[in-house]
Amino acid sequence: MRSVGTKLTEAEYARLEGLAQQEGLRLSEWLRQALLEEAGSGGARPSVAEETLLGEVLALRTILLNVLYKLAQGEKLGAEEMQTLIERADRDKGKKAAERLAAGAAGGER
């Protein structure tokens, strides 16, 4: 067996110790799991918050671009058409976010 060490501030240590306690683990066990999970994902696994935020931004982008395109063409956008556009953007946002994140991970981006 080998060991890995690091230095932490008191605040960092307390934060990590609290997280370990929430899981019912000793700090060393919790840190080992966290390190192995991160290493196994290659550091490219997005958090739920990151994926959610990206999905919302992409949905807003879809709506905005479609509305601006219609207006640039001199067309009006009715309430029903706008609702359909919103529903489509909401339906597709998760898939689009996952695709973007996967593409970024494959290219080494985060």
PDB file of N, CA and C in Angstrom:
ATOM      1  N   MET A   1       0.833  -1.184   0.000  1.00  0.00           N
ATOM      2  CA  MET A   1       0.000   0.000   0.000  1.00  0.00           C
ATOM      3  C   MET A   1       0.875   1.244   0.000  1.00  0.00           C
ATOM      4  N   ARG A   2       0.394   2.265  -0.691  1.00  0.00           N
ATOM      5  CA  ARG A   2       1.081   3.561  -0.718  1.00  0.00           C
ATOM      6  C   ARG A   2       0.158   4.606  -0.121  1.00  0.00           C
ATOM      7  N   SER A   3       0.705   5.734   0.272  1.00  0.00           N
ATOM      8  CA  SER A   3      -0.136   6.807   0.803  1.00  0.00           C
ATOM      9  C   SER A   3       0.162   8.101   0.059  1.00  0.00           C
ATOM     10  N   VAL A   4      -0.798   8.993   0.100  1.00  0.00           N
ATOM     11  CA  VAL A   4      -0.692  10.304  -0.528  1.00  0.00           C
ATOM     12  C   VAL A   4      -1.023  11.331   0.541  1.00  0.00           C
ATOM     13  N   GLY A   5      -0.272  12.385   0.607  1.00  0.00           N
ATOM     14  CA  GLY A   5      -0.516  13.418   1.611  1.00  0.00           C
ATOM     15  C   GLY A   5      -0.707  14.781   0.977  1.00  0.00           C
ATOM     16  N   THR A   6      -1.350  15.665   1.714  1.00  0.00           N
ATOM     17  CA  THR A   6      -1.541  17.041   1.263  1.00  0.00           C
ATOM     18  C   THR A   6      -1.689  17.937   2.483  1.00  0.00           C
ATOM     19  N   LYS A   7      -1.536  19.210   2.280  1.00  0.00           N
ATOM     20  CA  LYS A   7      -1.706  20.170   3.371  1.00  0.00           C
ATOM     21  C   LYS A   7      -3.007  20.930   3.137  1.00  0.00           C
ATOM     22  N   LEU A   8      -3.727  21.184   4.220  1.00  0.00           N
ATOM     23  CA  LEU A   8      -5.001  21.882   4.163  1.00  0.00           C
ATOM     24  C   LEU A   8      -5.026  22.985   5.203  1.00  0.00           C
ATOM     25  N   THR A   9      -5.804  24.017   4.933  1.00  0.00           N
ATOM     26  CA  THR A   9      -6.040  25.025   5.961  1.00  0.00           C
ATOM     27  C   THR A   9      -7.012  24.419   6.975  1.00  0.00           C
ATOM     28  N   GLU A  10      -7.137  25.058   8.125  1.00  0.00           N
ATOM     29  CA  GLU A  10      -8.082  24.570   9.135  1.00  0.00           C
ATOM     30  C   GLU A  10      -9.501  24.546   8.563  1.00  0.00           C
ATOM     31  N   ALA A  11      -9.861  25.572   7.805  1.00  0.00           N
ATOM     32  CA  ALA A  11     -11.206  25.647   7.226  1.00  0.00           C
ATOM     33  C   ALA A  11     -11.431  24.534   6.203  1.00  0.00           C
ATOM     34  N   GLU A  12     -10.432  24.281   5.384  1.00  0.00           N
ATOM     35  CA  GLU A  12     -10.550  23.210   4.384  1.00  0.00           C
ATOM     36  C   GLU A  12     -10.698  21.851   5.070  1.00  0.00           C
ATOM     37  N   TYR A  13      -9.873  21.640   6.096  1.00  0.00           N
ATOM     38  CA  TYR A  13      -9.929  20.380   6.830  1.00  0.00           C
ATOM     39  C   TYR A  13     -11.303  20.188   7.465  1.00  0.00           C
ATOM     40  N   ALA A  14     -11.807  21.228   8.100  1.00  0.00           N
ATOM     41  CA  ALA A  14     -13.115  21.145   8.761  1.00  0.00           C
ATOM     42  C   ALA A  14     -14.220  20.857   7.743  1.00  0.00           C
ATOM     43  N   ARG A  15     -14.134  21.487   6.596  1.00  0.00           N
ATOM     44  CA  ARG A  15     -15.141  21.266   5.542  1.00  0.00           C
ATOM     45  C   ARG A  15     -15.131  19.808   5.080  1.00  0.00           C
ATOM     46  N   LEU A  16     -13.945  19.298   4.786  1.00  0.00           N
ATOM     47  CA  LEU A  16     -13.830  17.909   4.326  1.00  0.00           C
ATOM     48  C   LEU A  16     -14.225  16.923   5.416  1.00  0.00           C
ATOM     49  N   GLU A  17     -13.834  17.213   6.633  1.00  0.00           N
ATOM     50  CA  GLU A  17     -14.191  16.340   7.751  1.00  0.00           C
ATOM     51  C   GLU A  17     -15.714  16.288   7.918  1.00  0.00           C
ATOM     52  N   GLY A  18     -16.371  17.430   7.756  1.00  0.00           N
ATOM     53  CA  GLY A  18     -17.829  17.467   7.842  1.00  0.00           C
ATOM     54  C   GLY A  18     -18.484  16.644   6.753  1.00  0.00           C
ATOM     55  N   LEU A  19     -17.950  16.725   5.537  1.00  0.00           N
ATOM     56  CA  LEU A  19     -18.485  15.929   4.432  1.00  0.00           C
ATOM     57  C   LEU A  19     -18.312  14.434   4.690  1.00  0.00           C
ATOM     58  N   ALA A  20     -17.168  14.068   5.236  1.00  0.00           N
ATOM     59  CA  ALA A  20     -16.914  12.660   5.554  1.00  0.00           C
ATOM     60  C   ALA A  20     -17.884  12.177   6.628  1.00  0.00           C
ATOM     61  N   GLN A  21     -18.102  12.992   7.638  1.00  0.00           N
ATOM     62  CA  GLN A  21     -19.016  12.619   8.714  1.00  0.00           C
ATOM     63  C   GLN A  21     -20.442  12.438   8.189  1.00  0.00           C
ATOM     64  N   GLN A  22     -20.843  13.262   7.244  1.00  0.00           N
ATOM     65  CA  GLN A  22     -22.178  13.133   6.647  1.00  0.00           C
ATOM     66  C   GLN A  22     -22.344  11.775   5.965  1.00  0.00           C
ATOM     67  N   GLU A  23     -21.256  11.243   5.449  1.00  0.00           N
ATOM     68  CA  GLU A  23     -21.273   9.937   4.788  1.00  0.00           C
ATOM     69  C   GLU A  23     -21.029   8.793   5.766  1.00  0.00           C
ATOM     70  N   GLY A  24     -20.744   9.142   7.023  1.00  0.00           N
ATOM     71  CA  GLY A  24     -20.471   8.114   8.025  1.00  0.00           C
ATOM     72  C   GLY A  24     -19.106   7.469   7.852  1.00  0.00           C
ATOM     73  N   LEU A  25     -18.158   8.216   7.285  1.00  0.00           N
ATOM     74  CA  LEU A  25     -16.823   7.678   7.024  1.00  0.00           C
ATOM     75  C   LEU A  25     -15.763   8.475   7.768  1.00  0.00           C
ATOM     76  N   ARG A  26     -14.632   7.814   7.999  1.00  0.00           N
ATOM     77  CA  ARG A  26     -13.468   8.556   8.481  1.00  0.00           C
ATOM     78  C   ARG A  26     -12.983   9.428   7.328  1.00  0.00           C
ATOM     79  N   LEU A  27     -12.318  10.502   7.662  1.00  0.00           N
ATOM     80  CA  LEU A  27     -11.854  11.433   6.637  1.00  0.00           C
ATOM     81  C   LEU A  27     -10.971  10.738   5.611  1.00  0.00           C
ATOM     82  N   SER A  28     -10.068   9.888   6.055  1.00  0.00           N
ATOM     83  CA  SER A  28      -9.162   9.216   5.117  1.00  0.00           C
ATOM     84  C   SER A  28      -9.931   8.337   4.139  1.00  0.00           C
ATOM     85  N   GLU A  29     -10.967   7.638   4.628  1.00  0.00           N
ATOM     86  CA  GLU A  29     -11.779   6.785   3.745  1.00  0.00           C
ATOM     87  C   GLU A  29     -12.553   7.635   2.732  1.00  0.00           C
ATOM     88  N   TRP A  30     -13.125   8.727   3.223  1.00  0.00           N
ATOM     89  CA  TRP A  30     -13.897   9.607   2.346  1.00  0.00           C
ATOM     90  C   TRP A  30     -13.004  10.211   1.254  1.00  0.00           C
ATOM     91  N   LEU A  31     -11.818  10.668   1.659  1.00  0.00           N
ATOM     92  CA  LEU A  31     -10.877  11.251   0.699  1.00  0.00           C
ATOM     93  C   LEU A  31     -10.446  10.223  -0.345  1.00  0.00           C
ATOM     94  N   ARG A  32     -10.204   9.005   0.075  1.00  0.00           N
ATOM     95  CA  ARG A  32      -9.813   7.948  -0.866  1.00  0.00           C
ATOM     96  C   ARG A  32     -10.908   7.746  -1.904  1.00  0.00           C
ATOM     97  N   GLN A  33     -12.157   7.634  -1.454  1.00  0.00           N
ATOM     98  CA  GLN A  33     -13.272   7.458  -2.385  1.00  0.00           C
ATOM     99  C   GLN A  33     -13.392   8.643  -3.339  1.00  0.00           C
ATOM    100  N   ALA A  34     -13.301   9.852  -2.789  1.00  0.00           N
ATOM    101  CA  ALA A  34     -13.432  11.057  -3.615  1.00  0.00           C
ATOM    102  C   ALA A  34     -12.335  11.128  -4.672  1.00  0.00           C
ATOM    103  N   LEU A  35     -11.110  10.815  -4.275  1.00  0.00           N
ATOM    104  CA  LEU A  35      -9.993  10.841  -5.223  1.00  0.00           C
ATOM    105  C   LEU A  35     -10.160   9.793  -6.322  1.00  0.00           C
ATOM    106  N   LEU A  36     -10.549   8.585  -5.931  1.00  0.00           N
ATOM    107  CA  LEU A  36     -10.720   7.524  -6.928  1.00  0.00           C
ATOM    108  C   LEU A  36     -11.889   7.803  -7.869  1.00  0.00           C
ATOM    109  N   GLU A  37     -12.972   8.374  -7.351  1.00  0.00           N
ATOM    110  CA  GLU A  37     -14.099   8.747  -8.212  1.00  0.00           C
ATOM    111  C   GLU A  37     -13.678   9.810  -9.220  1.00  0.00           C
ATOM    112  N   GLU A  38     -12.957  10.806  -8.742  1.00  0.00           N
ATOM    113  CA  GLU A  38     -12.515  11.887  -9.635  1.00  0.00           C
ATOM    114  C   GLU A  38     -11.532  11.357 -10.676  1.00  0.00           C
ATOM    115  N   ALA A  39     -10.630  10.507 -10.266  1.00  0.00           N
ATOM    116  CA  ALA A  39      -9.645   9.945 -11.197  1.00  0.00           C
ATOM    117  C   ALA A  39     -10.322   9.044 -12.219  1.00  0.00           C
ATOM    118  N   GLY A  40     -11.339   8.307 -11.781  1.00  0.00           N
ATOM    119  CA  GLY A  40     -12.057   7.417 -12.685  1.00  0.00           C
ATOM    120  C   GLY A  40     -12.836   8.161 -13.743  1.00  0.00           C
ATOM    121  N   SER A  41     -13.284   9.356 -13.418  1.00  0.00           N
ATOM    122  CA  SER A  41     -14.050  10.144 -14.385  1.00  0.00           C
ATOM    123  C   SER A  41     -13.139  10.983 -15.257  1.00  0.00           C
ATOM    124  N   GLY A  42     -11.865  10.957 -14.990  1.00  0.00           N
ATOM    125  CA  GLY A  42     -10.945  11.794 -15.744  1.00  0.00           C
ATOM    126  C   GLY A  42     -11.142  13.276 -15.454  1.00  0.00           C
ATOM    127  N   GLY A  43     -11.875  13.567 -14.369  1.00  0.00           N
ATOM    128  CA  GLY A  43     -12.115  14.957 -14.014  1.00  0.00           C
ATOM    129  C   GLY A  43     -13.108  15.633 -14.936  1.00  0.00           C
ATOM    130  N   ALA A  44     -13.787  14.861 -15.779  1.00  0.00           N
ATOM    131  CA  ALA A  44     -14.659  15.470 -16.775  1.00  0.00           C
ATOM    132  C   ALA A  44     -16.140  15.328 -16.458  1.00  0.00           C
ATOM    133  N   ARG A  45     -16.469  14.758 -15.312  1.00  0.00           N
ATOM    134  CA  ARG A  45     -17.877  14.558 -14.969  1.00  0.00           C
ATOM    135  C   ARG A  45     -18.473  15.868 -14.486  1.00  0.00           C
ATOM    136  N   PRO A  46     -19.444  16.404 -15.206  1.00  0.00           N
ATOM    137  CA  PRO A  46     -20.044  17.671 -14.765  1.00  0.00           C
ATOM    138  C   PRO A  46     -20.970  17.445 -13.573  1.00  0.00           C
ATOM    139  N   SER A  47     -21.109  18.464 -12.778  1.00  0.00           N
ATOM    140  CA  SER A  47     -22.049  18.373 -11.663  1.00  0.00           C
ATOM    141  C   SER A  47     -23.466  18.546 -12.191  1.00  0.00           C
ATOM    142  N   VAL A  48     -24.427  18.188 -11.372  1.00  0.00           N
ATOM    143  CA  VAL A  48     -25.834  18.370 -11.740  1.00  0.00           C
ATOM    144  C   VAL A  48     -26.108  19.847 -11.992  1.00  0.00           C
ATOM    145  N   ALA A  49     -25.523  20.704 -11.165  1.00  0.00           N
ATOM    146  CA  ALA A  49     -25.724  22.149 -11.331  1.00  0.00           C
ATOM    147  C   ALA A  49     -25.163  22.625 -12.668  1.00  0.00           C
ATOM    148  N   GLU A  50     -23.974  22.153 -13.033  1.00  0.00           N
ATOM    149  CA  GLU A  50     -23.383  22.550 -14.314  1.00  0.00           C
ATOM    150  C   GLU A  50     -24.250  22.113 -15.481  1.00  0.00           C
ATOM    151  N   GLU A  51     -24.722  20.888 -15.422  1.00  0.00           N
ATOM    152  CA  GLU A  51     -25.553  20.375 -16.517  1.00  0.00           C
ATOM    153  C   GLU A  51     -26.888  21.118 -16.586  1.00  0.00           C
ATOM    154  N   THR A  52     -27.467  21.400 -15.424  1.00  0.00           N
ATOM    155  CA  THR A  52     -28.737  22.132 -15.378  1.00  0.00           C
ATOM    156  C   THR A  52     -28.572  23.544 -15.922  1.00  0.00           C
ATOM    157  N   LEU A  53     -27.543  24.232 -15.477  1.00  0.00           N
ATOM    158  CA  LEU A  53     -27.307  25.604 -15.947  1.00  0.00           C
ATOM    159  C   LEU A  53     -27.041  25.643 -17.444  1.00  0.00           C
ATOM    160  N   LEU A  54     -26.243  24.720 -17.935  1.00  0.00           N
ATOM    161  CA  LEU A  54     -25.979  24.683 -19.362  1.00  0.00           C
ATOM    162  C   LEU A  54     -27.263  24.424 -20.135  1.00  0.00           C
ATOM    163  N   GLY A  55     -28.094  23.523 -19.642  1.00  0.00           N
ATOM    164  CA  GLY A  55     -29.370  23.238 -20.292  1.00  0.00           C
ATOM    165  C   GLY A  55     -30.255  24.467 -20.360  1.00  0.00           C
ATOM    166  N   GLU A  56     -30.326  25.210 -19.270  1.00  0.00           N
ATOM    167  CA  GLU A  56     -31.148  26.422 -19.245  1.00  0.00           C
ATOM    168  C   GLU A  56     -30.607  27.487 -20.207  1.00  0.00           C
ATOM    169  N   VAL A  57     -29.299  27.650 -20.228  1.00  0.00           N
ATOM    170  CA  VAL A  57     -28.693  28.624 -21.150  1.00  0.00           C
ATOM    171  C   VAL A  57     -28.963  28.226 -22.601  1.00  0.00           C
ATOM    172  N   LEU A  58     -28.835  26.946 -22.902  1.00  0.00           N
ATOM    173  CA  LEU A  58     -29.089  26.489 -24.268  1.00  0.00           C
ATOM    174  C   LEU A  58     -30.557  26.649 -24.650  1.00  0.00           C
ATOM    175  N   ALA A  59     -31.463  26.421 -23.695  1.00  0.00           N
ATOM    176  CA  ALA A  59     -32.893  26.623 -23.970  1.00  0.00           C
ATOM    177  C   ALA A  59     -33.173  28.094 -24.250  1.00  0.00           C
ATOM    178  N   LEU A  60     -32.612  28.973 -23.432  1.00  0.00           N
ATOM    179  CA  LEU A  60     -32.791  30.414 -23.661  1.00  0.00           C
ATOM    180  C   LEU A  60     -32.204  30.843 -24.998  1.00  0.00           C
ATOM    181  N   ARG A  61     -31.063  30.291 -25.340  1.00  0.00           N
ATOM    182  CA  ARG A  61     -30.425  30.599 -26.627  1.00  0.00           C
ATOM    183  C   ARG A  61     -31.325  30.180 -27.790  1.00  0.00           C
ATOM    184  N   THR A  62     -31.889  28.983 -27.676  1.00  0.00           N
ATOM    185  CA  THR A  62     -32.791  28.483 -28.720  1.00  0.00           C
ATOM    186  C   THR A  62     -33.981  29.419 -28.899  1.00  0.00           C
ATOM    187  N   ILE A  63     -34.596  29.796 -27.788  1.00  0.00           N
ATOM    188  CA  ILE A  63     -35.752  30.690 -27.852  1.00  0.00           C
ATOM    189  C   ILE A  63     -35.361  32.032 -28.437  1.00  0.00           C
ATOM    190  N   LEU A  64     -34.291  32.611 -27.924  1.00  0.00           N
ATOM    191  CA  LEU A  64     -33.853  33.931 -28.387  1.00  0.00           C
ATOM    192  C   LEU A  64     -33.522  33.932 -29.876  1.00  0.00           C
ATOM    193  N   LEU A  65     -32.770  32.962 -30.334  1.00  0.00           N
ATOM    194  CA  LEU A  65     -32.402  32.920 -31.750  1.00  0.00           C
ATOM    195  C   LEU A  65     -33.619  32.751 -32.648  1.00  0.00           C
ATOM    196  N   ASN A  66     -34.564  31.926 -32.237  1.00  0.00           N
ATOM    197  CA  ASN A  66     -35.769  31.736 -33.034  1.00  0.00           C
ATOM    198  C   ASN A  66     -36.624  32.994 -33.076  1.00  0.00           C
ATOM    199  N   VAL A  67     -36.770  33.654 -31.941  1.00  0.00           N
ATOM    200  CA  VAL A  67     -37.550  34.898 -31.899  1.00  0.00           C
ATOM    201  C   VAL A  67     -36.871  35.975 -32.738  1.00  0.00           C
ATOM    202  N   LEU A  68     -35.578  36.139 -32.577  1.00  0.00           N
ATOM    203  CA  LEU A  68     -34.854  37.160 -33.347  1.00  0.00           C
ATOM    204  C   LEU A  68     -34.910  36.879 -34.845  1.00  0.00           C
ATOM    205  N   TYR A  69     -34.821  35.619 -35.222  1.00  0.00           N
ATOM    206  CA  TYR A  69     -34.900  35.271 -36.639  1.00  0.00           C
ATOM    207  C   TYR A  69     -36.259  35.661 -37.208  1.00  0.00           C
ATOM    208  N   LYS A  70     -37.323  35.331 -36.486  1.00  0.00           N
ATOM    209  CA  LYS A  70     -38.675  35.689 -36.937  1.00  0.00           C
ATOM    210  C   LYS A  70     -38.812  37.206 -37.088  1.00  0.00           C
ATOM    211  N   LEU A  71     -38.353  37.927 -36.098  1.00  0.00           N
ATOM    212  CA  LEU A  71     -38.452  39.381 -36.142  1.00  0.00           C
ATOM    213  C   LEU A  71     -37.622  39.961 -37.281  1.00  0.00           C
ATOM    214  N   ALA A  72     -36.461  39.416 -37.519  1.00  0.00           N
ATOM    215  CA  ALA A  72     -35.596  39.898 -38.609  1.00  0.00           C
ATOM    216  C   ALA A  72     -36.240  39.659 -39.971  1.00  0.00           C
ATOM    217  N   GLN A  73     -37.087  38.638 -40.049  1.00  0.00           N
ATOM    218  CA  GLN A  73     -37.789  38.331 -41.301  1.00  0.00           C
ATOM    219  C   GLN A  73     -39.063  39.167 -41.436  1.00  0.00           C
ATOM    220  N   GLY A  74     -39.323  40.009 -40.450  1.00  0.00           N
ATOM    221  CA  GLY A  74     -40.507  40.846 -40.478  1.00  0.00           C
ATOM    222  C   GLY A  74     -41.768  40.097 -40.087  1.00  0.00           C
ATOM    223  N   GLU A  75     -41.619  38.927 -39.490  1.00  0.00           N
ATOM    224  CA  GLU A  75     -42.772  38.123 -39.097  1.00  0.00           C
ATOM    225  C   GLU A  75     -43.121  38.391 -37.637  1.00  0.00           C
ATOM    226  N   LYS A  76     -44.375  38.192 -37.313  1.00  0.00           N
ATOM    227  CA  LYS A  76     -44.816  38.313 -35.926  1.00  0.00           C
ATOM    228  C   LYS A  76     -44.884  36.920 -35.319  1.00  0.00           C
ATOM    229  N   LEU A  77     -44.712  36.874 -34.022  1.00  0.00           N
ATOM    230  CA  LEU A  77     -44.720  35.620 -33.297  1.00  0.00           C
ATOM    231  C   LEU A  77     -45.936  35.611 -32.375  1.00  0.00           C
ATOM    232  N   GLY A  78     -46.866  34.707 -32.638  1.00  0.00           N
ATOM    233  CA  GLY A  78     -48.065  34.610 -31.826  1.00  0.00           C
ATOM    234  C   GLY A  78     -47.817  33.865 -30.526  1.00  0.00           C
ATOM    235  N   ALA A  79     -48.782  33.977 -29.626  1.00  0.00           N
ATOM    236  CA  ALA A  79     -48.662  33.344 -28.304  1.00  0.00           C
ATOM    237  C   ALA A  79     -48.545  31.831 -28.430  1.00  0.00           C
ATOM    238  N   GLU A  80     -49.322  31.239 -29.305  1.00  0.00           N
ATOM    239  CA  GLU A  80     -49.283  29.782 -29.471  1.00  0.00           C
ATOM    240  C   GLU A  80     -47.938  29.324 -30.034  1.00  0.00           C
ATOM    241  N   GLU A  81     -47.421  30.054 -31.007  1.00  0.00           N
ATOM    242  CA  GLU A  81     -46.123  29.719 -31.595  1.00  0.00           C
ATOM    243  C   GLU A  81     -45.005  29.886 -30.560  1.00  0.00           C
ATOM    244  N   MET A  82     -45.117  30.933 -29.745  1.00  0.00           N
ATOM    245  CA  MET A  82     -44.122  31.166 -28.698  1.00  0.00           C
ATOM    246  C   MET A  82     -44.163  30.036 -27.669  1.00  0.00           C
ATOM    247  N   GLN A  83     -45.355  29.607 -27.289  1.00  0.00           N
ATOM    248  CA  GLN A  83     -45.494  28.513 -26.326  1.00  0.00           C
ATOM    249  C   GLN A  83     -44.890  27.219 -26.882  1.00  0.00           C
ATOM    250  N   THR A  84     -45.127  26.959 -28.165  1.00  0.00           N
ATOM    251  CA  THR A  84     -44.558  25.772 -28.812  1.00  0.00           C
ATOM    252  C   THR A  84     -43.034  25.838 -28.798  1.00  0.00           C
ATOM    253  N   LEU A  85     -42.507  27.015 -29.069  1.00  0.00           N
ATOM    254  CA  LEU A  85     -41.061  27.226 -29.072  1.00  0.00           C
ATOM    255  C   LEU A  85     -40.478  26.982 -27.676  1.00  0.00           C
ATOM    256  N   ILE A  86     -41.124  27.478 -26.659  1.00  0.00           N
ATOM    257  CA  ILE A  86     -40.671  27.293 -25.279  1.00  0.00           C
ATOM    258  C   ILE A  86     -40.704  25.814 -24.899  1.00  0.00           C
ATOM    259  N   GLU A  87     -41.789  25.149 -25.249  1.00  0.00           N
ATOM    260  CA  GLU A  87     -41.919  23.723 -24.919  1.00  0.00           C
ATOM    261  C   GLU A  87     -40.847  22.894 -25.619  1.00  0.00           C
ATOM    262  N   ARG A  88     -40.553  23.217 -26.877  1.00  0.00           N
ATOM    263  CA  ARG A  88     -39.505  22.487 -27.605  1.00  0.00           C
ATOM    264  C   ARG A  88     -38.143  22.726 -26.972  1.00  0.00           C
ATOM    265  N   ALA A  89     -37.870  23.975 -26.613  1.00  0.00           N
ATOM    266  CA  ALA A  89     -36.582  24.300 -25.987  1.00  0.00           C
ATOM    267  C   ALA A  89     -36.438  23.576 -24.656  1.00  0.00           C
ATOM    268  N   ASP A  90     -37.512  23.551 -23.855  1.00  0.00           N
ATOM    269  CA  ASP A  90     -37.477  22.852 -22.571  1.00  0.00           C
ATOM    270  C   ASP A  90     -37.301  21.347 -22.757  1.00  0.00           C
ATOM    271  N   ARG A  91     -37.964  20.798 -23.755  1.00  0.00           N
ATOM    272  CA  ARG A  91     -37.889  19.353 -24.003  1.00  0.00           C
ATOM    273  C   ARG A  91     -36.477  18.934 -24.416  1.00  0.00           C
ATOM    274  N   ASP A  92     -35.812  19.762 -25.209  1.00  0.00           N
ATOM    275  CA  ASP A  92     -34.517  19.395 -25.782  1.00  0.00           C
ATOM    276  C   ASP A  92     -33.302  19.836 -24.968  1.00  0.00           C
ATOM    277  N   LYS A  93     -33.508  20.668 -23.932  1.00  0.00           N
ATOM    278  CA  LYS A  93     -32.362  21.269 -23.241  1.00  0.00           C
ATOM    279  C   LYS A  93     -31.455  20.248 -22.563  1.00  0.00           C
ATOM    280  N   GLY A  94     -32.020  19.239 -21.937  1.00  0.00           N
ATOM    281  CA  GLY A  94     -31.200  18.234 -21.257  1.00  0.00           C
ATOM    282  C   GLY A  94     -30.326  17.466 -22.222  1.00  0.00           C
ATOM    283  N   LYS A  95     -30.915  17.070 -23.338  1.00  0.00           N
ATOM    284  CA  LYS A  95     -30.171  16.315 -24.353  1.00  0.00           C
ATOM    285  C   LYS A  95     -29.045  17.175 -24.938  1.00  0.00           C
ATOM    286  N   LYS A  96     -29.372  18.435 -25.250  1.00  0.00           N
ATOM    287  CA  LYS A  96     -28.355  19.328 -25.825  1.00  0.00           C
ATOM    288  C   LYS A  96     -27.220  19.589 -24.838  1.00  0.00           C
ATOM    289  N   ALA A  97     -27.561  19.776 -23.570  1.00  0.00           N
ATOM    290  CA  ALA A  97     -26.521  20.012 -22.557  1.00  0.00           C
ATOM    291  C   ALA A  97     -25.615  18.798 -22.436  1.00  0.00           C
ATOM    292  N   ALA A  98     -26.208  17.606 -22.394  1.00  0.00           N
ATOM    293  CA  ALA A  98     -25.414  16.378 -22.289  1.00  0.00           C
ATOM    294  C   ALA A  98     -24.496  16.220 -23.492  1.00  0.00           C
ATOM    295  N   GLU A  99     -25.008  16.533 -24.679  1.00  0.00           N
ATOM    296  CA  GLU A  99     -24.187  16.433 -25.896  1.00  0.00           C
ATOM    297  C   GLU A  99     -23.017  17.410 -25.849  1.00  0.00           C
ATOM    298  N   ARG A 100     -23.291  18.646 -25.430  1.00  0.00           N
ATOM    299  CA  ARG A 100     -22.215  19.649 -25.345  1.00  0.00           C
ATOM    300  C   ARG A 100     -21.166  19.253 -24.319  1.00  0.00           C
ATOM    301  N   LEU A 101     -21.622  18.767 -23.164  1.00  0.00           N
ATOM    302  CA  LEU A 101     -20.682  18.373 -22.124  1.00  0.00           C
ATOM    303  C   LEU A 101     -19.855  17.167 -22.564  1.00  0.00           C
ATOM    304  N   ALA A 102     -20.482  16.220 -23.248  1.00  0.00           N
ATOM    305  CA  ALA A 102     -19.752  15.044 -23.747  1.00  0.00           C
ATOM    306  C   ALA A 102     -18.716  15.459 -24.786  1.00  0.00           C
ATOM    307  N   ALA A 103     -19.092  16.378 -25.657  1.00  0.00           N
ATOM    308  CA  ALA A 103     -18.161  16.853 -26.673  1.00  0.00           C
ATOM    309  C   ALA A 103     -16.986  17.582 -26.032  1.00  0.00           C
ATOM    310  N   GLY A 104     -17.268  18.368 -25.000  1.00  0.00           N
ATOM    311  CA  GLY A 104     -16.201  19.075 -24.287  1.00  0.00           C
ATOM    312  C   GLY A 104     -15.276  18.127 -23.571  1.00  0.00           C
ATOM    313  N   ALA A 105     -15.840  17.083 -22.974  1.00  0.00           N
ATOM    314  CA  ALA A 105     -15.026  16.083 -22.259  1.00  0.00           C
ATOM    315  C   ALA A 105     -14.155  15.313 -23.218  1.00  0.00           C
ATOM    316  N   ALA A 106     -14.689  15.001 -24.399  1.00  0.00           N
ATOM    317  CA  ALA A 106     -13.915  14.264 -25.398  1.00  0.00           C
ATOM    318  C   ALA A 106     -12.767  15.112 -25.927  1.00  0.00           C
ATOM    319  N   GLY A 107     -12.973  16.415 -25.940  1.00  0.00           N
ATOM    320  CA  GLY A 107     -11.926  17.319 -26.420  1.00  0.00           C
ATOM    321  C   GLY A 107     -11.006  17.804 -25.324  1.00  0.00           C
ATOM    322  N   GLY A 108     -11.215  17.287 -24.107  1.00  0.00           N
ATOM    323  CA  GLY A 108     -10.346  17.676 -22.995  1.00  0.00           C
ATOM    324  C   GLY A 108     -10.765  18.965 -22.320  1.00  0.00           C
ATOM    325  N   GLU A 109     -11.934  19.500 -22.678  1.00  0.00           N
ATOM    326  CA  GLU A 109     -12.414  20.733 -22.056  1.00  0.00           C
ATOM    327  C   GLU A 109     -13.266  20.388 -20.862  1.00  0.00           C
ATOM    328  N   ARG A 110     -13.497  21.353 -20.032  1.00  0.00           N
ATOM    329  CA  ARG A 110     -14.400  21.164 -18.887  1.00  0.00           C
ATOM    330  C   ARG A 110     -15.366  22.302 -18.827  1.00  0.00           C
TER     331      ARG A 110
END
